[in-house]
Amino acid sequence: QVNFVESGGGLVQPGGSLRLSCTASGFPLDTYAIGWFRQVPGKEREGVSCLSVSGDTSYATDSVKGRFTITRDNAKATMYLQMTNLSAADTGVYYCAAPVACSTKHLFFYAGPGRMGQGIQVTVVS
C-alpha cells in the first residue's frame, strides 16, 4: 500500500520558517521526480516546487523563489520543503507528490499514476 505522510506544518509568525517533511512507504520515491503543491484558500491548487531524480533540475514558482528550498533524502524515502521568510500569502494546505513532471520552468502532477499526501496545514499569522 502506497502512503505519503507529511509532517512539519503548523502555525508560524510572518518572517518565520518551517520545514515540511514527506515520507513515502510502498513507493520507490528514489526513482521519481518529486514535488510540493499547495492550496491557498479561495484558489486552485498550485505547484510550488519540484526536484528531479538526480537533483540537478529544480523548479520553484515565482512567489517562493529564494525563500523555499526542496530537497530529498532517497535513503530515507523522504522529501523536504524548507520554507523561510513566510508571509500570510503562504497560508494553505501543502501536499507532497510523486511522480511529477519537473523542469526548470514547469511542475505538473501525473493524475493517473501520481500519488499525493493527505495535505498538511501551514498557517502564517501575526
Foldseek 3Di string as FASTA:
>chain_A
DKAKDKDWADEAAAQAKIKMKIAIDPDQLLQAKKFKWWDDPPDDIDTAKIAGSVRPFMEGPPVQPPFWDKDDDNVRRMIMIIGGRDDQRPWTWMKMKPHWDGHHYDIGADVPPMDIHPTDTHGYDD
